[in-house]
Amino acid sequence: MKKHQKTIWGGIVSAVPLAVLELVIPDRLVDIALITLAVLLPIGLALVIWGTAVKNRWGVNLEAVDCARCHMRVPQIRKPRSFRQMLWGGAICNRCGCEMDKWGRSVTT
């Protein structure tokens, strides 16, 4: 099958579920969903920008951090060891066992 034929079939296959959803979901429900998304998305974006500026749990930290206790570099790719780490980031130092948030500050649990 040629590349342009795959593209055409991909468009058809992706359009069929959308057409079925249009028949099943009423227009008013779609309007409500879009309005809700249009309101919540800017609020979420503002929370992330604000959280990054003040370094709280809503922010995004792309910098590498050091352990708050022993100053060992914490790997940027890590496996969360708690539900809090899964939601908000953070790590546990492999050398001293210090738990820290995504900004490298010590967390007491």
N, C-alpha and C. Protein backbone atom coordinates (compact mmCIF):
# COMPACT_ATOMS: atom_id res chain seq x y z
N MET A 1 0.85 -1.17 0.00
CA MET A 1 0.00 0.00 0.00
C MET A 1 0.89 1.24 0.00
N LYS A 2 0.57 2.22 -0.82
CA LYS A 2 1.37 3.43 -0.94
C LYS A 2 1.10 4.36 0.23
N LYS A 3 2.03 5.29 0.42
CA LYS A 3 1.96 6.19 1.56
C LYS A 3 0.68 7.03 1.56
N HIS A 4 0.29 7.57 0.41
CA HIS A 4 -0.90 8.41 0.35
C HIS A 4 -2.18 7.60 0.58
N GLN A 5 -2.16 6.32 0.20
CA GLN A 5 -3.32 5.46 0.46
C GLN A 5 -3.47 5.21 1.96
N LYS A 6 -2.34 5.02 2.66
CA LYS A 6 -2.39 4.84 4.11
C LYS A 6 -2.94 6.09 4.79
N THR A 7 -2.55 7.25 4.28
CA THR A 7 -3.04 8.49 4.85
C THR A 7 -4.54 8.62 4.65
N ILE A 8 -5.02 8.27 3.49
CA ILE A 8 -6.47 8.34 3.21
C ILE A 8 -7.22 7.38 4.11
N TRP A 9 -6.74 6.14 4.22
CA TRP A 9 -7.41 5.16 5.08
C TRP A 9 -7.36 5.58 6.55
N GLY A 10 -6.24 6.18 6.95
CA GLY A 10 -6.14 6.67 8.33
C GLY A 10 -7.15 7.76 8.61
N GLY A 11 -7.37 8.64 7.65
CA GLY A 11 -8.38 9.69 7.80
C GLY A 11 -9.78 9.13 7.88
N ILE A 12 -10.07 8.14 7.06
CA ILE A 12 -11.40 7.52 7.07
C ILE A 12 -11.64 6.79 8.39
N VAL A 13 -10.64 6.02 8.81
CA VAL A 13 -10.79 5.25 10.05
C VAL A 13 -10.95 6.17 11.25
N SER A 14 -10.25 7.31 11.27
CA SER A 14 -10.39 8.22 12.41
C SER A 14 -11.67 9.04 12.33
N ALA A 15 -12.22 9.24 11.14
CA ALA A 15 -13.45 10.03 11.00
C ALA A 15 -14.70 9.23 11.36
N VAL A 16 -14.67 7.93 11.20
CA VAL A 16 -15.86 7.10 11.48
C VAL A 16 -16.26 7.18 12.96
N PRO A 17 -15.33 7.01 13.92
CA PRO A 17 -15.76 7.14 15.32
C PRO A 17 -16.30 8.52 15.65
N LEU A 18 -15.73 9.57 15.04
CA LEU A 18 -16.24 10.92 15.29
C LEU A 18 -17.66 11.08 14.76
N ALA A 19 -17.95 10.49 13.62
CA ALA A 19 -19.30 10.57 13.06
C ALA A 19 -20.28 9.82 13.96
N VAL A 20 -19.88 8.68 14.48
CA VAL A 20 -20.74 7.91 15.38
C VAL A 20 -20.98 8.70 16.66
N LEU A 21 -19.93 9.33 17.20
CA LEU A 21 -20.09 10.13 18.41
C LEU A 21 -21.04 11.30 18.19
N GLU A 22 -21.00 11.90 17.00
CA GLU A 22 -21.93 12.99 16.71
C GLU A 22 -23.37 12.54 16.76
N LEU A 23 -23.63 11.32 16.36
CA LEU A 23 -24.98 10.79 16.39
C LEU A 23 -25.42 10.45 17.81
N VAL A 24 -24.50 10.01 18.63
CA VAL A 24 -24.83 9.54 19.97
C VAL A 24 -24.88 10.68 20.98
N ILE A 25 -23.93 11.62 20.91
CA ILE A 25 -23.83 12.69 21.90
C ILE A 25 -24.61 13.91 21.40
N PRO A 26 -25.54 14.41 22.20
CA PRO A 26 -26.30 15.60 21.79
C PRO A 26 -25.40 16.84 21.68
N ASP A 27 -25.81 17.77 20.82
CA ASP A 27 -25.03 18.99 20.60
C ASP A 27 -24.87 19.80 21.88
N ARG A 28 -25.92 19.84 22.69
CA ARG A 28 -25.86 20.63 23.92
C ARG A 28 -24.79 20.09 24.86
N LEU A 29 -24.65 18.78 24.93
CA LEU A 29 -23.63 18.18 25.79
C LEU A 29 -22.23 18.51 25.28
N VAL A 30 -22.05 18.51 23.98
CA VAL A 30 -20.76 18.88 23.40
C VAL A 30 -20.45 20.34 23.70
N ASP A 31 -21.45 21.20 23.60
CA ASP A 31 -21.26 22.62 23.91
C ASP A 31 -20.84 22.81 25.37
N ILE A 32 -21.49 22.10 26.28
CA ILE A 32 -21.16 22.19 27.70
C ILE A 32 -19.73 21.71 27.93
N ALA A 33 -19.35 20.61 27.28
CA ALA A 33 -17.99 20.08 27.44
C ALA A 33 -16.96 21.08 26.92
N LEU A 34 -17.22 21.70 25.78
CA LEU A 34 -16.27 22.66 25.22
C LEU A 34 -16.17 23.92 26.08
N ILE A 35 -17.29 24.38 26.61
CA ILE A 35 -17.26 25.56 27.49
C ILE A 35 -16.49 25.24 28.77
N THR A 36 -16.74 24.07 29.34
CA THR A 36 -16.02 23.65 30.53
C THR A 36 -14.52 23.58 30.26
N LEU A 37 -14.14 23.01 29.13
CA LEU A 37 -12.73 22.92 28.76
C LEU A 37 -12.13 24.31 28.55
N ALA A 38 -12.89 25.19 27.93
CA ALA A 38 -12.40 26.55 27.67
C ALA A 38 -12.21 27.33 28.97
N VAL A 39 -12.94 26.99 30.02
CA VAL A 39 -12.79 27.67 31.31
C VAL A 39 -11.67 27.03 32.14
N LEU A 40 -11.64 25.70 32.18
CA LEU A 40 -10.69 25.00 33.05
C LEU A 40 -9.26 25.01 32.51
N LEU A 41 -9.09 25.00 31.21
CA LEU A 41 -7.74 24.98 30.65
C LEU A 41 -6.93 26.23 31.00
N PRO A 42 -7.47 27.44 30.86
CA PRO A 42 -6.69 28.61 31.29
C PRO A 42 -6.43 28.65 32.79
N ILE A 43 -7.37 28.15 33.59
CA ILE A 43 -7.14 28.10 35.04
C ILE A 43 -5.99 27.15 35.35
N GLY A 44 -5.97 25.99 34.72
CA GLY A 44 -4.88 25.04 34.92
C GLY A 44 -3.55 25.59 34.46
N LEU A 45 -3.55 26.26 33.33
CA LEU A 45 -2.32 26.86 32.82
C LEU A 45 -1.81 27.95 33.76
N ALA A 46 -2.72 28.75 34.29
CA ALA A 46 -2.33 29.79 35.25
C ALA A 46 -1.75 29.17 36.52
N LEU A 47 -2.34 28.06 37.00
CA LEU A 47 -1.82 27.39 38.18
C LEU A 47 -0.40 26.87 37.95
N VAL A 48 -0.15 26.31 36.78
CA VAL A 48 1.18 25.78 36.48
C VAL A 48 2.20 26.92 36.38
N ILE A 49 1.84 28.01 35.72
CA ILE A 49 2.76 29.15 35.61
C ILE A 49 3.05 29.75 36.99
N TRP A 50 2.00 29.94 37.79
CA TRP A 50 2.16 30.49 39.12
C TRP A 50 2.98 29.54 40.01
N GLY A 51 2.67 28.24 39.93
CA GLY A 51 3.39 27.25 40.73
C GLY A 51 4.86 27.17 40.39
N THR A 52 5.19 27.36 39.12
CA THR A 52 6.60 27.36 38.72
C THR A 52 7.30 28.60 39.24
N ALA A 53 6.61 29.73 39.23
CA ALA A 53 7.22 30.98 39.71
C ALA A 53 7.49 30.95 41.20
N VAL A 54 6.54 30.41 41.98
CA VAL A 54 6.71 30.40 43.44
C VAL A 54 7.24 29.07 43.97
N LYS A 55 7.49 28.14 43.08
CA LYS A 55 8.03 26.81 43.40
C LYS A 55 7.16 26.05 44.40
N ASN A 56 5.90 25.84 44.03
CA ASN A 56 5.03 25.01 44.85
C ASN A 56 4.68 23.72 44.10
N ARG A 57 3.78 22.93 44.62
CA ARG A 57 3.50 21.63 44.02
C ARG A 57 2.87 21.70 42.64
N TRP A 58 2.26 22.81 42.27
CA TRP A 58 1.64 22.93 40.94
C TRP A 58 2.67 23.22 39.85
N GLY A 59 3.85 23.67 40.23
CA GLY A 59 4.85 24.09 39.26
C GLY A 59 5.54 22.92 38.57
N VAL A 60 6.32 23.25 37.56
CA VAL A 60 7.09 22.28 36.79
C VAL A 60 8.56 22.61 36.96
N ASN A 61 9.35 21.64 37.40
CA ASN A 61 10.78 21.82 37.57
C ASN A 61 11.51 20.96 36.55
N LEU A 62 12.22 21.59 35.63
CA LEU A 62 12.98 20.86 34.62
C LEU A 62 14.46 20.79 34.97
N GLU A 63 14.85 21.42 36.06
CA GLU A 63 16.24 21.43 36.49
C GLU A 63 16.55 20.19 37.32
N ALA A 64 17.81 19.77 37.31
CA ALA A 64 18.26 18.68 38.18
C ALA A 64 18.38 19.21 39.60
N VAL A 65 18.06 18.36 40.58
CA VAL A 65 18.13 18.79 41.98
C VAL A 65 19.14 17.93 42.75
N ASP A 66 19.63 18.50 43.83
CA ASP A 66 20.53 17.79 44.73
C ASP A 66 19.78 17.47 46.01
N CYS A 67 20.20 16.42 46.69
CA CYS A 67 19.60 16.03 47.96
C CYS A 67 19.77 17.17 48.96
N ALA A 68 18.73 17.42 49.73
CA ALA A 68 18.77 18.50 50.72
C ALA A 68 19.72 18.18 51.87
N ARG A 69 19.95 16.89 52.14
CA ARG A 69 20.77 16.50 53.28
C ARG A 69 22.23 16.22 52.88
N CYS A 70 22.46 15.35 51.89
CA CYS A 70 23.84 14.94 51.56
C CYS A 70 24.35 15.56 50.26
N HIS A 71 23.54 16.34 49.58
CA HIS A 71 23.91 17.07 48.37
C HIS A 71 24.31 16.18 47.19
N MET A 72 23.82 14.94 47.18
CA MET A 72 24.05 14.05 46.04
C MET A 72 23.03 14.38 44.95
N ARG A 73 23.45 14.36 43.69
CA ARG A 73 22.56 14.64 42.57
C ARG A 73 21.49 13.55 42.48
N VAL A 74 20.24 13.97 42.38
CA VAL A 74 19.11 13.04 42.27
C VAL A 74 18.82 12.83 40.78
N PRO A 75 18.65 11.58 40.33
CA PRO A 75 18.37 11.36 38.90
C PRO A 75 17.06 12.04 38.49
N GLN A 76 17.04 12.60 37.27
CA GLN A 76 15.82 13.26 36.79
C GLN A 76 14.76 12.24 36.42
N ILE A 77 15.15 11.09 35.94
CA ILE A 77 14.20 10.03 35.64
C ILE A 77 14.18 9.12 36.86
N ARG A 78 13.02 8.99 37.46
CA ARG A 78 12.92 8.26 38.71
C ARG A 78 11.61 7.49 38.74
N LYS A 79 11.54 6.54 39.66
CA LYS A 79 10.32 5.77 39.87
C LYS A 79 9.68 6.27 41.16
N PRO A 80 8.45 6.79 41.08
CA PRO A 80 7.80 7.29 42.30
C PRO A 80 7.62 6.16 43.32
N ARG A 81 7.90 6.48 44.59
CA ARG A 81 7.78 5.48 45.65
C ARG A 81 6.57 5.71 46.54
N SER A 82 5.79 6.76 46.26
CA SER A 82 4.59 7.02 47.03
C SER A 82 3.55 7.69 46.12
N PHE A 83 2.33 7.74 46.60
CA PHE A 83 1.26 8.38 45.83
C PHE A 83 1.53 9.88 45.69
N ARG A 84 2.07 10.50 46.74
CA ARG A 84 2.41 11.92 46.70
C ARG A 84 3.47 12.19 45.64
N GLN A 85 4.48 11.34 45.56
CA GLN A 85 5.51 11.52 44.55
C GLN A 85 4.95 11.31 43.14
N MET A 86 4.01 10.42 43.01
CA MET A 86 3.41 10.19 41.70
C MET A 86 2.62 11.41 41.24
N LEU A 87 1.89 12.06 42.16
CA LEU A 87 1.08 13.22 41.78
C LEU A 87 1.90 14.49 41.64
N TRP A 88 2.79 14.76 42.60
CA TRP A 88 3.43 16.06 42.69
C TRP A 88 4.92 16.04 42.43
N GLY A 89 5.51 14.89 42.19
CA GLY A 89 6.94 14.82 41.94
C GLY A 89 7.72 14.67 43.22
N GLY A 90 9.02 14.61 43.09
CA GLY A 90 9.88 14.42 44.25
C GLY A 90 10.60 13.09 44.15
N ALA A 91 11.46 12.85 45.12
CA ALA A 91 12.26 11.63 45.10
C ALA A 91 12.77 11.32 46.50
N ILE A 92 13.37 10.16 46.63
CA ILE A 92 14.05 9.75 47.86
C ILE A 92 15.50 9.52 47.49
N CYS A 93 16.40 10.13 48.24
CA CYS A 93 17.84 10.02 47.98
C CYS A 93 18.29 8.57 48.15
N ASN A 94 19.07 8.08 47.20
CA ASN A 94 19.56 6.70 47.28
C ASN A 94 20.66 6.55 48.33
N ARG A 95 21.36 7.62 48.65
CA ARG A 95 22.46 7.54 49.61
C ARG A 95 21.97 7.66 51.05
N CYS A 96 21.20 8.70 51.37
CA CYS A 96 20.85 8.95 52.77
C CYS A 96 19.38 8.69 53.10
N GLY A 97 18.52 8.49 52.07
CA GLY A 97 17.11 8.19 52.31
C GLY A 97 16.25 9.40 52.57
N CYS A 98 16.78 10.59 52.34
CA CYS A 98 16.02 11.82 52.54
C CYS A 98 14.94 11.94 51.47
N GLU A 99 13.71 12.21 51.91
CA GLU A 99 12.63 12.43 50.94
C GLU A 99 12.53 13.91 50.65
N MET A 100 12.43 14.25 49.36
CA MET A 100 12.38 15.65 48.97
C MET A 100 11.31 15.88 47.92
N ASP A 101 10.89 17.14 47.79
CA ASP A 101 9.91 17.48 46.76
C ASP A 101 10.64 17.68 45.43
N LYS A 102 9.91 18.06 44.41
CA LYS A 102 10.51 18.22 43.07
C LYS A 102 11.50 19.36 42.98
N TRP A 103 11.51 20.23 43.97
CA TRP A 103 12.43 21.37 43.98
C TRP A 103 13.70 21.07 44.78
N GLY A 104 13.78 19.88 45.41
CA GLY A 104 14.95 19.49 46.18
C GLY A 104 14.88 19.87 47.64
N ARG A 105 13.70 20.30 48.11
CA ARG A 105 13.55 20.66 49.51
C ARG A 105 13.12 19.42 50.30
N SER A 106 13.63 19.28 51.51
CA SER A 106 13.32 18.14 52.35
C SER A 106 11.85 18.14 52.73
N VAL A 107 11.26 16.94 52.72
CA VAL A 107 9.84 16.79 53.07
C VAL A 107 9.77 15.91 54.30
N THR A 108 9.08 16.40 55.33
CA THR A 108 8.89 15.57 56.53
C THR A 108 7.54 14.89 56.42
N THR A 109 7.53 13.59 56.62
CA THR A 109 6.27 12.83 56.52
C THR A 109 5.88 12.27 57.86
